[in-house]
């Protein structure tokens, strides 16, 4: 009997993959295999067509400054399908630069404003002279997370009634040095500054895997109808 196929879209895998972020997708594939599902991972990169609803899970990793500037231009083509996917309560994990891209803009250390997707009410300001780097630990609704952060961007929520933090800091910086919060939760989307990869924390990986299976069953059911 063939396993069911879960489809994962890795946004700009060839450009947005720092500090082991691709490991998150590999860990999910392993856990889903344990539950009887095969996975197909598509790299959605420059100039490619993309419909988010063809997939059960979206992953968006972090990248260096140059790669992020390239992605910033291309990804605007996909804004509507990503927004619709998010609002439909589908699961997505965004790390570092991928997290920042969901917001309104990021402001460079030189004062230049780079427009992002403006899907969620948050923004990021870069402080090149105060990089936040090192081990990080924080509490989430699914238990404690231990990971690694390395970023100059400081992220702030513009509407705290709509967004909530992914975790509360125990060690490290998280979103910024002031608020002691890590990442973001909105519906079934998680944004985080945690590399390492974050899903080496099995409690988080299994929680996301369960959400992916639910999304897969909904997609298969809608296709049958």
N, C-alpha and C. Protein backbone atom coordinates (compact mmCIF):
# COMPACT_ATOMS: atom_id res chain seq x y z
N UNK A 1 0.84 -1.19 0.00
CA UNK A 1 0.00 0.00 0.00
C UNK A 1 0.88 1.24 0.00
N UNK A 2 0.63 2.17 -0.94
CA UNK A 2 1.44 3.36 -1.04
C UNK A 2 1.10 4.36 0.06
N UNK A 3 2.12 5.07 0.54
CA UNK A 3 1.89 6.11 1.54
C UNK A 3 1.23 7.32 0.90
N UNK A 4 0.49 8.05 1.70
CA UNK A 4 -0.06 9.31 1.22
C UNK A 4 1.08 10.32 1.06
N UNK A 5 0.91 11.25 0.11
CA UNK A 5 1.96 12.21 -0.20
C UNK A 5 1.61 13.59 0.34
N UNK A 6 2.45 14.08 1.24
CA UNK A 6 2.32 15.43 1.76
C UNK A 6 3.25 16.35 0.98
N UNK A 7 2.73 17.49 0.58
CA UNK A 7 3.48 18.41 -0.27
C UNK A 7 3.92 19.64 0.54
N UNK A 8 5.22 19.90 0.48
CA UNK A 8 5.81 21.03 1.20
C UNK A 8 6.43 21.98 0.20
N UNK A 9 6.15 23.26 0.34
CA UNK A 9 6.78 24.29 -0.48
C UNK A 9 7.86 24.97 0.36
N UNK A 10 9.09 24.89 -0.10
CA UNK A 10 10.22 25.57 0.54
C UNK A 10 10.47 26.82 -0.29
N UNK A 11 10.11 27.97 0.25
CA UNK A 11 10.25 29.22 -0.49
C UNK A 11 11.71 29.64 -0.57
N UNK A 12 12.23 29.69 -1.79
CA UNK A 12 13.60 30.13 -2.07
C UNK A 12 14.65 29.31 -1.30
N UNK A 13 14.51 28.01 -1.39
CA UNK A 13 15.45 27.11 -0.70
C UNK A 13 16.89 27.40 -1.10
N UNK A 14 17.12 27.73 -2.36
CA UNK A 14 18.47 27.96 -2.86
C UNK A 14 19.06 29.29 -2.40
N UNK A 15 18.23 30.18 -1.87
CA UNK A 15 18.69 31.50 -1.45
C UNK A 15 18.51 31.75 0.05
N UNK A 16 17.48 31.15 0.64
CA UNK A 16 17.14 31.41 2.04
C UNK A 16 17.34 30.13 2.85
N UNK A 17 18.59 29.88 3.23
CA UNK A 17 18.92 28.65 3.93
C UNK A 17 20.20 28.84 4.73
N UNK A 18 20.12 29.57 5.84
CA UNK A 18 21.30 29.80 6.67
C UNK A 18 21.20 29.03 7.98
N UNK A 19 22.36 28.69 8.53
CA UNK A 19 22.44 28.08 9.86
C UNK A 19 21.57 26.84 10.01
N UNK A 20 21.51 26.03 8.96
CA UNK A 20 20.83 24.75 9.05
C UNK A 20 19.33 24.79 8.95
N UNK A 21 18.77 25.87 8.37
CA UNK A 21 17.31 25.97 8.29
C UNK A 21 16.68 24.83 7.49
N UNK A 22 17.40 24.32 6.49
CA UNK A 22 16.84 23.22 5.70
C UNK A 22 16.61 21.98 6.55
N UNK A 23 17.30 21.91 7.68
CA UNK A 23 17.09 20.80 8.60
C UNK A 23 15.68 20.73 9.14
N UNK A 24 15.00 21.87 9.21
CA UNK A 24 13.61 21.87 9.67
C UNK A 24 12.73 21.03 8.77
N UNK A 25 12.91 21.17 7.47
CA UNK A 25 12.11 20.40 6.51
C UNK A 25 12.48 18.92 6.57
N UNK A 26 13.75 18.63 6.74
CA UNK A 26 14.19 17.23 6.82
C UNK A 26 13.62 16.55 8.07
N UNK A 27 13.59 17.27 9.18
CA UNK A 27 13.03 16.71 10.41
C UNK A 27 11.54 16.45 10.25
N UNK A 28 10.83 17.39 9.66
CA UNK A 28 9.40 17.19 9.44
C UNK A 28 9.14 15.99 8.53
N UNK A 29 9.94 15.86 7.49
CA UNK A 29 9.79 14.72 6.57
C UNK A 29 9.98 13.40 7.32
N UNK A 30 10.95 13.38 8.22
CA UNK A 30 11.21 12.17 9.02
C UNK A 30 10.02 11.84 9.92
N UNK A 31 9.50 12.84 10.62
CA UNK A 31 8.39 12.61 11.53
C UNK A 31 7.12 12.21 10.78
N UNK A 32 6.89 12.83 9.63
CA UNK A 32 5.72 12.48 8.83
C UNK A 32 5.83 11.06 8.28
N UNK A 33 7.05 10.64 7.95
CA UNK A 33 7.27 9.27 7.50
C UNK A 33 6.91 8.28 8.61
N UNK A 34 7.25 8.62 9.84
CA UNK A 34 6.88 7.79 10.98
C UNK A 34 5.37 7.59 11.08
N UNK A 35 4.65 8.62 10.66
CA UNK A 35 3.19 8.58 10.74
C UNK A 35 2.55 8.02 9.48
N UNK A 36 3.37 7.54 8.52
CA UNK A 36 2.85 6.89 7.33
C UNK A 36 2.70 7.76 6.11
N UNK A 37 3.35 8.94 6.11
CA UNK A 37 3.23 9.87 4.99
C UNK A 37 4.58 10.07 4.30
N UNK A 38 4.59 9.98 2.98
CA UNK A 38 5.75 10.42 2.22
C UNK A 38 5.64 11.93 2.01
N UNK A 39 6.78 12.58 1.73
CA UNK A 39 6.76 14.02 1.50
C UNK A 39 7.44 14.36 0.18
N UNK A 40 6.92 15.38 -0.45
CA UNK A 40 7.53 15.95 -1.66
C UNK A 40 7.80 17.42 -1.37
N UNK A 41 9.07 17.82 -1.48
CA UNK A 41 9.48 19.19 -1.18
C UNK A 41 9.83 19.90 -2.48
N UNK A 42 9.13 20.98 -2.77
CA UNK A 42 9.40 21.78 -3.96
C UNK A 42 10.11 23.07 -3.57
N UNK A 43 11.20 23.37 -4.27
CA UNK A 43 11.89 24.64 -4.11
C UNK A 43 11.20 25.67 -4.99
N UNK A 44 10.53 26.63 -4.37
CA UNK A 44 9.86 27.70 -5.10
C UNK A 44 10.83 28.87 -5.17
N UNK A 45 11.45 29.08 -6.33
CA UNK A 45 12.51 30.06 -6.44
C UNK A 45 12.18 31.11 -7.49
N UNK A 46 13.20 31.82 -7.95
CA UNK A 46 13.03 32.98 -8.81
C UNK A 46 12.27 32.64 -10.08
N UNK A 47 11.30 33.48 -10.41
CA UNK A 47 10.55 33.42 -11.67
C UNK A 47 9.66 32.19 -11.80
N UNK A 48 9.46 31.44 -10.74
CA UNK A 48 8.60 30.25 -10.79
C UNK A 48 7.16 30.61 -10.45
N UNK A 49 6.22 29.87 -11.02
CA UNK A 49 4.82 30.04 -10.65
C UNK A 49 4.55 29.31 -9.33
N UNK A 50 3.56 29.78 -8.59
CA UNK A 50 3.33 29.22 -7.26
C UNK A 50 1.91 29.48 -6.80
N UNK A 51 1.23 28.40 -6.42
CA UNK A 51 -0.09 28.48 -5.79
C UNK A 51 0.03 27.80 -4.43
N UNK A 52 -0.07 28.59 -3.36
CA UNK A 52 0.15 28.05 -2.02
C UNK A 52 -0.82 26.92 -1.68
N UNK A 53 -2.02 26.95 -2.25
CA UNK A 53 -3.03 25.95 -1.91
C UNK A 53 -2.77 24.59 -2.55
N UNK A 54 -1.72 24.48 -3.34
CA UNK A 54 -1.29 23.18 -3.84
C UNK A 54 -0.49 22.42 -2.79
N UNK A 55 -0.23 23.07 -1.65
CA UNK A 55 0.68 22.51 -0.64
C UNK A 55 0.00 22.39 0.72
N UNK A 56 0.60 21.52 1.55
CA UNK A 56 0.11 21.30 2.90
C UNK A 56 0.90 22.10 3.94
N UNK A 57 2.04 22.64 3.53
CA UNK A 57 2.90 23.36 4.46
C UNK A 57 3.85 24.26 3.67
N UNK A 58 4.02 25.49 4.16
CA UNK A 58 4.99 26.42 3.58
C UNK A 58 6.12 26.64 4.57
N UNK A 59 7.35 26.61 4.05
CA UNK A 59 8.53 26.90 4.88
C UNK A 59 9.34 28.00 4.22
N UNK A 60 9.79 28.96 5.03
CA UNK A 60 10.53 30.11 4.52
C UNK A 60 11.69 30.36 5.47
N UNK A 61 12.91 30.07 5.04
CA UNK A 61 14.08 30.17 5.89
C UNK A 61 14.73 31.55 5.87
N UNK A 62 15.89 31.64 6.50
CA UNK A 62 16.63 32.90 6.57
C UNK A 62 17.71 32.99 5.52
N UNK A 63 18.16 34.21 5.24
CA UNK A 63 19.19 34.40 4.23
C UNK A 63 20.09 35.57 4.57
N UNK A 64 21.21 35.68 3.85
CA UNK A 64 22.11 36.81 4.00
C UNK A 64 21.51 38.04 3.33
N UNK A 65 22.11 39.21 3.58
CA UNK A 65 21.54 40.47 3.10
C UNK A 65 21.36 40.49 1.59
N UNK A 66 22.36 40.04 0.83
CA UNK A 66 22.26 40.10 -0.63
C UNK A 66 21.13 39.20 -1.12
N UNK A 67 21.09 37.97 -0.61
CA UNK A 67 20.05 37.04 -1.03
C UNK A 67 18.66 37.58 -0.68
N UNK A 68 18.55 38.20 0.49
CA UNK A 68 17.25 38.75 0.88
C UNK A 68 16.82 39.88 -0.07
N UNK A 69 17.78 40.66 -0.54
CA UNK A 69 17.43 41.75 -1.45
C UNK A 69 16.92 41.20 -2.78
N UNK A 70 17.47 40.07 -3.22
CA UNK A 70 17.00 39.43 -4.45
C UNK A 70 15.60 38.88 -4.26
N UNK A 71 15.38 38.20 -3.15
CA UNK A 71 14.08 37.62 -2.86
C UNK A 71 13.02 38.71 -2.69
N UNK A 72 13.39 39.84 -2.09
CA UNK A 72 12.44 40.92 -1.83
C UNK A 72 11.75 41.39 -3.11
N UNK A 73 12.47 41.37 -4.20
CA UNK A 73 11.88 41.80 -5.48
C UNK A 73 10.97 40.72 -6.06
N UNK A 74 11.41 39.48 -5.99
CA UNK A 74 10.68 38.39 -6.66
C UNK A 74 9.42 37.96 -5.91
N UNK A 75 9.47 37.95 -4.60
CA UNK A 75 8.40 37.33 -3.81
C UNK A 75 7.10 38.14 -3.84
N UNK A 76 7.17 39.39 -4.23
CA UNK A 76 5.96 40.20 -4.26
C UNK A 76 4.92 39.64 -5.23
N UNK A 77 5.36 38.85 -6.21
CA UNK A 77 4.43 38.19 -7.14
C UNK A 77 3.51 37.22 -6.40
N UNK A 78 3.98 36.71 -5.28
CA UNK A 78 3.27 35.65 -4.56
C UNK A 78 2.52 36.17 -3.33
N UNK A 79 2.46 37.48 -3.16
CA UNK A 79 1.87 38.02 -1.95
C UNK A 79 0.44 37.53 -1.72
N UNK A 80 -0.40 37.58 -2.75
CA UNK A 80 -1.81 37.27 -2.56
C UNK A 80 -2.04 35.81 -2.20
N UNK A 81 -1.35 34.90 -2.87
CA UNK A 81 -1.57 33.48 -2.58
C UNK A 81 -1.05 33.13 -1.18
N UNK A 82 0.05 33.76 -0.75
CA UNK A 82 0.56 33.51 0.60
C UNK A 82 -0.40 34.07 1.63
N UNK A 83 -0.89 35.27 1.40
CA UNK A 83 -1.84 35.87 2.34
C UNK A 83 -3.12 35.04 2.44
N UNK A 84 -3.65 34.61 1.31
CA UNK A 84 -4.88 33.80 1.32
C UNK A 84 -4.65 32.49 2.07
N UNK A 85 -3.50 31.88 1.86
CA UNK A 85 -3.13 30.63 2.53
C UNK A 85 -3.09 30.84 4.05
N UNK A 86 -2.45 31.92 4.48
CA UNK A 86 -2.35 32.22 5.90
C UNK A 86 -3.73 32.45 6.51
N UNK A 87 -4.55 33.23 5.83
CA UNK A 87 -5.87 33.55 6.36
C UNK A 87 -6.79 32.33 6.37
N UNK A 88 -6.47 31.33 5.55
CA UNK A 88 -7.25 30.09 5.54
C UNK A 88 -6.82 29.14 6.65
N UNK A 89 -5.92 29.61 7.53
CA UNK A 89 -5.51 28.85 8.71
C UNK A 89 -4.60 27.67 8.37
N UNK A 90 -3.84 27.80 7.30
CA UNK A 90 -2.92 26.74 6.91
C UNK A 90 -1.56 26.93 7.58
N UNK A 91 -0.80 25.84 7.79
CA UNK A 91 0.44 25.93 8.56
C UNK A 91 1.62 26.46 7.75
N UNK A 92 2.40 27.33 8.40
CA UNK A 92 3.59 27.92 7.79
C UNK A 92 4.60 28.21 8.88
N UNK A 93 5.88 27.97 8.58
CA UNK A 93 6.96 28.29 9.51
C UNK A 93 7.96 29.18 8.78
N UNK A 94 8.25 30.34 9.38
CA UNK A 94 9.16 31.31 8.79
C UNK A 94 10.29 31.60 9.77
N UNK A 95 11.52 31.52 9.29
CA UNK A 95 12.69 31.70 10.15
C UNK A 95 13.45 32.95 9.73
N UNK A 96 13.76 33.80 10.68
CA UNK A 96 14.63 34.97 10.51
C UNK A 96 14.17 35.84 9.33
N UNK A 97 14.91 35.84 8.21
CA UNK A 97 14.51 36.67 7.07
C UNK A 97 13.13 36.34 6.55
N UNK A 98 12.76 35.06 6.55
CA UNK A 98 11.43 34.67 6.12
C UNK A 98 10.36 35.25 7.02
N UNK A 99 10.64 35.31 8.31
CA UNK A 99 9.75 35.92 9.30
C UNK A 99 9.61 37.42 9.02
N UNK A 100 10.74 38.09 8.80
CA UNK A 100 10.72 39.53 8.53
C UNK A 100 9.91 39.87 7.29
N UNK A 101 9.98 39.00 6.27
CA UNK A 101 9.31 39.28 5.00
C UNK A 101 7.79 39.32 5.13
N UNK A 102 7.22 38.69 6.15
CA UNK A 102 5.77 38.73 6.32
C UNK A 102 5.29 40.10 6.77
N UNK A 103 6.18 40.92 7.30
CA UNK A 103 5.82 42.21 7.83
C UNK A 103 5.71 43.31 6.78
N UNK A 104 5.58 44.54 7.27
CA UNK A 104 5.38 45.69 6.38
C UNK A 104 6.67 46.10 5.69
N UNK A 105 7.76 46.18 6.45
CA UNK A 105 9.02 46.65 5.88
C UNK A 105 10.16 46.30 6.82
N UNK A 106 11.38 46.38 6.28
CA UNK A 106 12.53 46.42 7.17
C UNK A 106 13.38 47.62 6.78
N UNK A 107 13.88 48.27 7.81
CA UNK A 107 14.68 49.48 7.64
C UNK A 107 16.15 49.12 7.83
N UNK A 108 16.97 49.41 6.84
CA UNK A 108 18.39 49.06 6.91
C UNK A 108 19.11 50.00 7.88
N UNK A 109 20.34 49.61 8.24
CA UNK A 109 21.13 50.44 9.15
C UNK A 109 21.47 51.78 8.52
N UNK A 110 21.40 51.84 7.18
CA UNK A 110 21.64 53.11 6.49
C UNK A 110 20.41 53.96 6.33
N UNK A 111 19.28 53.50 6.86
CA UNK A 111 18.05 54.27 6.80
C UNK A 111 17.17 53.99 5.60
N UNK A 112 17.57 53.04 4.76
CA UNK A 112 16.76 52.69 3.60
C UNK A 112 15.61 51.78 4.02
N UNK A 113 14.42 52.02 3.51
CA UNK A 113 13.26 51.21 3.83
C UNK A 113 12.98 50.23 2.70
N UNK A 114 13.02 48.94 3.01
CA UNK A 114 12.73 47.89 2.04
C UNK A 114 11.32 47.37 2.31
N UNK A 115 10.44 47.52 1.34
CA UNK A 115 9.07 47.06 1.50
C UNK A 115 9.01 45.53 1.48
N UNK A 116 8.27 44.96 2.42
CA UNK A 116 8.09 43.52 2.49
C UNK A 116 6.68 43.17 2.00
N UNK A 117 6.14 42.03 2.40
CA UNK A 117 4.87 41.58 1.86
C UNK A 117 3.67 42.30 2.48
N UNK A 118 3.86 42.88 3.64
CA UNK A 118 2.78 43.60 4.33
C UNK A 118 1.55 42.71 4.53
N UNK A 119 1.81 41.47 4.93
CA UNK A 119 0.72 40.55 5.25
C UNK A 119 0.35 40.65 6.72
N UNK A 120 1.36 40.80 7.57
CA UNK A 120 1.13 40.87 9.01
C UNK A 120 1.64 42.20 9.56
N UNK A 121 1.02 42.71 10.64
CA UNK A 121 1.38 44.02 11.18
C UNK A 121 2.62 43.98 12.07
N UNK A 122 3.77 43.90 11.43
CA UNK A 122 5.04 43.96 12.13
C UNK A 122 6.07 44.61 11.22
N UNK A 123 7.15 45.10 11.80
CA UNK A 123 8.23 45.69 11.00
C UNK A 123 9.56 45.39 11.68
N UNK A 124 10.65 45.58 10.94
CA UNK A 124 11.98 45.24 11.44
C UNK A 124 12.94 46.40 11.17
N UNK A 125 13.76 46.71 12.16
CA UNK A 125 14.78 47.75 12.03
C UNK A 125 16.14 47.10 12.28
N UNK A 126 17.08 47.32 11.34
CA UNK A 126 18.40 46.72 11.46
C UNK A 126 19.35 47.66 12.20
N UNK A 127 20.08 47.10 13.17
CA UNK A 127 21.11 47.81 13.91
C UNK A 127 22.42 47.05 13.72
N UNK A 128 23.19 47.46 12.72
CA UNK A 128 24.39 46.72 12.34
C UNK A 128 25.44 46.69 13.45
N UNK A 129 25.41 47.67 14.35
CA UNK A 129 26.42 47.76 15.39
C UNK A 129 26.03 47.01 16.66
N UNK A 130 24.89 46.34 16.65
CA UNK A 130 24.46 45.62 17.86
C UNK A 130 23.81 44.29 17.48
N UNK A 131 24.63 43.41 16.92
CA UNK A 131 24.13 42.11 16.48
C UNK A 131 23.73 41.25 17.67
N UNK A 132 22.63 40.53 17.51
CA UNK A 132 22.14 39.65 18.57
C UNK A 132 22.47 38.21 18.18
N UNK A 133 23.41 37.64 18.88
CA UNK A 133 23.95 36.34 18.49
C UNK A 133 24.21 35.49 19.73
N UNK A 134 23.93 34.18 19.60
CA UNK A 134 24.22 33.27 20.69
C UNK A 134 23.12 32.26 20.92
N UNK A 135 23.29 31.47 21.96
CA UNK A 135 22.29 30.48 22.32
C UNK A 135 21.04 31.19 22.84
N UNK A 136 19.90 30.56 22.60
CA UNK A 136 18.63 31.14 23.03
C UNK A 136 17.74 30.06 23.63
N UNK A 137 16.95 30.45 24.60
CA UNK A 137 16.02 29.54 25.25
C UNK A 137 14.75 30.32 25.60
N UNK A 138 13.61 29.71 25.36
CA UNK A 138 12.36 30.40 25.66
C UNK A 138 11.23 29.40 25.85
N UNK A 139 10.16 29.87 26.49
CA UNK A 139 8.99 29.03 26.76
C UNK A 139 7.91 29.30 25.72
N UNK A 140 7.26 28.22 25.25
CA UNK A 140 6.15 28.33 24.32
C UNK A 140 4.97 27.51 24.88
N UNK A 141 3.84 27.56 24.20
CA UNK A 141 2.69 26.77 24.63
C UNK A 141 2.95 25.28 24.47
N UNK A 142 3.97 24.91 23.68
CA UNK A 142 4.32 23.50 23.48
C UNK A 142 5.56 23.10 24.26
N UNK A 143 5.99 23.93 25.19
CA UNK A 143 7.15 23.61 25.99
C UNK A 143 8.34 24.49 25.65
N UNK A 144 9.48 24.16 26.26
CA UNK A 144 10.69 24.97 26.12
C UNK A 144 11.40 24.70 24.80
N UNK A 145 11.98 25.76 24.25
CA UNK A 145 12.77 25.67 23.01
C UNK A 145 14.19 26.12 23.31
N UNK A 146 15.16 25.37 22.81
CA UNK A 146 16.57 25.77 22.84
C UNK A 146 17.07 25.83 21.41
N UNK A 147 17.70 26.95 21.05
CA UNK A 147 18.12 27.13 19.66
C UNK A 147 19.30 28.10 19.61
N UNK A 148 19.47 28.74 18.43
CA UNK A 148 20.58 29.65 18.19
C UNK A 148 20.06 30.83 17.38
N UNK A 149 20.47 32.04 17.73
CA UNK A 149 20.06 33.22 16.97
C UNK A 149 21.29 34.00 16.51
N UNK A 150 21.14 34.66 15.36
CA UNK A 150 22.22 35.49 14.82
C UNK A 150 21.58 36.50 13.87
N UNK A 151 21.23 37.68 14.40
CA UNK A 151 20.52 38.66 13.58
C UNK A 151 20.78 40.07 14.09
N UNK A 152 20.76 41.01 13.14
CA UNK A 152 20.83 42.43 13.48
C UNK A 152 19.46 43.07 13.47
N UNK A 153 18.49 42.39 12.89
CA UNK A 153 17.15 42.93 12.79
C UNK A 153 16.41 42.87 14.12
N UNK A 154 15.74 43.96 14.46
CA UNK A 154 14.89 44.03 15.65
C UNK A 154 13.45 44.14 15.17
N UNK A 155 12.65 43.17 15.52
CA UNK A 155 11.27 43.11 15.02
C UNK A 155 10.29 43.57 16.10
N UNK A 156 9.32 44.38 15.65
CA UNK A 156 8.31 44.92 16.55
C UNK A 156 6.92 44.70 15.95
N UNK A 157 5.96 44.39 16.81
CA UNK A 157 4.56 44.23 16.38
C UNK A 157 3.90 45.61 16.29
N UNK A 158 3.17 45.84 15.22
CA UNK A 158 2.42 47.08 15.06
C UNK A 158 0.99 46.95 15.58
N UNK A 159 0.52 45.73 15.73
CA UNK A 159 -0.82 45.48 16.26
C UNK A 159 -0.75 44.28 17.19
N UNK A 160 -0.58 44.54 18.46
CA UNK A 160 -0.41 43.46 19.43
C UNK A 160 -1.72 42.75 19.75
N UNK A 161 -2.83 43.29 19.30
CA UNK A 161 -4.10 42.59 19.47
C UNK A 161 -4.26 41.49 18.42
N UNK A 162 -3.53 41.59 17.32
CA UNK A 162 -3.64 40.62 16.23
C UNK A 162 -2.56 39.55 16.32
N UNK A 163 -1.38 39.94 16.74
CA UNK A 163 -0.25 39.01 16.82
C UNK A 163 0.07 38.69 18.27
N UNK A 164 0.60 37.51 18.48
CA UNK A 164 1.12 37.18 19.81
C UNK A 164 2.50 36.57 19.65
N UNK A 165 3.36 36.70 20.66
CA UNK A 165 4.70 36.13 20.55
C UNK A 165 4.65 34.60 20.54
N UNK A 166 5.61 34.01 19.87
CA UNK A 166 5.74 32.56 19.88
C UNK A 166 6.22 32.07 21.23
N UNK A 167 7.10 32.85 21.87
CA UNK A 167 7.63 32.42 23.17
C UNK A 167 8.05 33.58 24.05
N UNK A 168 8.32 33.26 25.31
CA UNK A 168 8.82 34.22 26.30
C UNK A 168 10.26 33.87 26.63
N UNK A 169 11.16 34.84 26.52
CA UNK A 169 12.58 34.58 26.63
C UNK A 169 13.02 34.14 28.03
N UNK A 170 13.91 33.15 28.04
CA UNK A 170 14.65 32.77 29.25
C UNK A 170 16.10 33.21 29.08
N UNK A 171 16.65 32.96 27.89
CA UNK A 171 18.02 33.34 27.56
C UNK A 171 18.05 33.83 26.12
N UNK A 172 18.79 34.90 25.87
CA UNK A 172 18.91 35.43 24.51
C UNK A 172 18.05 36.67 24.31
N UNK A 173 17.93 37.08 23.05
CA UNK A 173 17.27 38.34 22.71
C UNK A 173 15.88 38.16 22.13
N UNK A 174 15.72 37.24 21.18
CA UNK A 174 14.43 37.08 20.52
C UNK A 174 14.16 38.20 19.54
N UNK A 175 12.94 38.72 19.54
CA UNK A 175 12.55 39.74 18.57
C UNK A 175 13.38 41.01 18.67
N UNK A 176 13.69 41.42 19.88
CA UNK A 176 14.45 42.64 20.12
C UNK A 176 14.95 42.62 21.56
N UNK A 177 15.87 43.51 21.92
CA UNK A 177 16.44 43.45 23.27
C UNK A 177 15.51 43.96 24.36
N UNK A 178 14.38 44.55 24.00
CA UNK A 178 13.56 45.27 24.98
C UNK A 178 12.39 44.48 25.55
N UNK A 179 11.77 43.62 24.74
CA UNK A 179 10.47 43.05 25.12
C UNK A 179 10.52 41.62 25.65
N UNK A 180 11.68 40.95 25.54
CA UNK A 180 11.85 39.59 26.06
C UNK A 180 10.84 38.61 25.45
N UNK A 181 10.57 38.79 24.17
CA UNK A 181 9.66 37.91 23.45
C UNK A 181 10.36 37.34 22.22
N UNK A 182 9.98 36.10 21.86
CA UNK A 182 10.59 35.44 20.71
C UNK A 182 9.52 35.12 19.67
N UNK A 183 9.76 35.59 18.46
CA UNK A 183 8.93 35.17 17.34
C UNK A 183 7.51 35.68 17.39
N UNK A 184 6.67 35.03 16.58
CA UNK A 184 5.30 35.49 16.37
C UNK A 184 4.39 34.31 16.07
N UNK A 185 3.15 34.41 16.57
CA UNK A 185 2.09 33.47 16.21
C UNK A 185 0.92 34.24 15.63
N UNK A 186 0.43 33.77 14.49
CA UNK A 186 -0.81 34.30 13.94
C UNK A 186 -1.51 33.14 13.24
N UNK A 187 -2.70 32.78 13.73
CA UNK A 187 -3.40 31.60 13.22
C UNK A 187 -2.44 30.42 13.27
N UNK A 188 -2.18 29.75 12.14
CA UNK A 188 -1.26 28.61 12.14
C UNK A 188 0.11 28.95 11.55
N UNK A 189 0.48 30.23 11.63
CA UNK A 189 1.79 30.68 11.17
C UNK A 189 2.68 30.95 12.36
N UNK A 190 3.92 30.47 12.27
CA UNK A 190 4.93 30.75 13.28
C UNK A 190 6.08 31.48 12.61
N UNK A 191 6.49 32.60 13.19
CA UNK A 191 7.71 33.28 12.79
C UNK A 191 8.70 33.20 13.93
N UNK A 192 9.99 33.02 13.62
CA UNK A 192 10.96 32.85 14.69
C UNK A 192 12.36 33.25 14.21
N UNK A 193 13.19 33.68 15.16
CA UNK A 193 14.60 33.94 14.88
C UNK A 193 15.47 32.72 15.20
N UNK A 194 14.88 31.60 15.49
CA UNK A 194 15.62 30.43 15.95
C UNK A 194 16.14 29.58 14.81
N UNK A 195 17.47 29.50 14.74
CA UNK A 195 18.15 28.58 13.82
C UNK A 195 18.57 27.35 14.61
N UNK A 196 19.29 26.47 13.94
CA UNK A 196 19.92 25.41 14.69
C UNK A 196 19.78 23.98 14.22
N UNK A 197 18.71 23.51 13.59
CA UNK A 197 17.44 24.19 13.29
C UNK A 197 16.49 24.17 14.49
N UNK A 198 15.46 24.98 14.45
CA UNK A 198 14.52 25.06 15.57
C UNK A 198 13.82 23.72 15.82
N UNK A 199 13.59 22.94 14.76
CA UNK A 199 12.81 21.72 14.93
C UNK A 199 13.63 20.54 15.44
N UNK A 200 14.87 20.81 15.83
CA UNK A 200 15.57 19.80 16.64
C UNK A 200 14.87 19.67 17.99
N UNK A 201 14.07 20.69 18.34
CA UNK A 201 13.20 20.61 19.51
C UNK A 201 11.98 19.79 19.12
N UNK A 202 11.98 18.53 19.53
CA UNK A 202 10.98 17.58 19.05
C UNK A 202 9.56 17.98 19.44
N UNK A 203 9.41 18.66 20.56
CA UNK A 203 8.07 19.10 20.97
C UNK A 203 7.45 20.04 19.94
N UNK A 204 8.24 20.94 19.39
CA UNK A 204 7.74 21.87 18.39
C UNK A 204 7.54 21.16 17.05
N UNK A 205 8.51 20.30 16.70
CA UNK A 205 8.42 19.58 15.43
C UNK A 205 7.17 18.72 15.36
N UNK A 206 6.86 18.02 16.43
CA UNK A 206 5.69 17.13 16.41
C UNK A 206 4.39 17.93 16.39
N UNK A 207 4.37 19.07 17.06
CA UNK A 207 3.17 19.90 17.03
C UNK A 207 2.90 20.41 15.62
N UNK A 208 3.95 20.83 14.92
CA UNK A 208 3.79 21.30 13.54
C UNK A 208 3.43 20.15 12.62
N UNK A 209 4.05 19.00 12.80
CA UNK A 209 3.73 17.83 11.96
C UNK A 209 2.25 17.49 12.07
N UNK A 210 1.69 17.58 13.27
CA UNK A 210 0.26 17.29 13.44
C UNK A 210 -0.60 18.29 12.66
N UNK A 211 -0.20 19.55 12.66
CA UNK A 211 -0.93 20.57 11.92
C UNK A 211 -0.84 20.32 10.41
N UNK A 212 0.31 19.86 9.96
CA UNK A 212 0.49 19.56 8.53
C UNK A 212 -0.44 18.43 8.10
N UNK A 213 -0.57 17.41 8.92
CA UNK A 213 -1.44 16.28 8.59
C UNK A 213 -2.89 16.75 8.49
N UNK A 214 -3.31 17.61 9.38
CA UNK A 214 -4.67 18.15 9.31
C UNK A 214 -4.87 18.92 8.00
N UNK A 215 -3.89 19.76 7.65
CA UNK A 215 -3.98 20.53 6.42
C UNK A 215 -4.01 19.62 5.20
N UNK A 216 -3.23 18.54 5.24
CA UNK A 216 -3.20 17.58 4.13
C UNK A 216 -4.56 16.92 3.94
N UNK A 217 -5.16 16.51 5.03
CA UNK A 217 -6.48 15.86 4.94
C UNK A 217 -7.52 16.83 4.39
N UNK A 218 -7.43 18.09 4.77
CA UNK A 218 -8.37 19.08 4.25
C UNK A 218 -8.16 19.30 2.75
N UNK A 219 -6.89 19.35 2.31
CA UNK A 219 -6.62 19.55 0.89
C UNK A 219 -7.10 18.37 0.06
N UNK A 220 -6.83 17.16 0.53
CA UNK A 220 -7.27 15.96 -0.20
C UNK A 220 -8.79 15.91 -0.26
N UNK A 221 -9.45 16.22 0.85
CA UNK A 221 -10.91 16.20 0.89
C UNK A 221 -11.50 17.22 -0.07
N UNK A 222 -10.92 18.42 -0.15
CA UNK A 222 -11.44 19.44 -1.05
C UNK A 222 -11.23 19.06 -2.51
N UNK A 223 -10.16 18.35 -2.81
CA UNK A 223 -9.90 17.90 -4.19
C UNK A 223 -10.87 16.82 -4.61
N UNK A 224 -11.26 15.96 -3.66
CA UNK A 224 -12.22 14.90 -3.96
C UNK A 224 -13.59 15.51 -4.30
N UNK A 225 -13.95 16.52 -3.55
CA UNK A 225 -15.24 17.18 -3.79
C UNK A 225 -15.25 17.85 -5.16
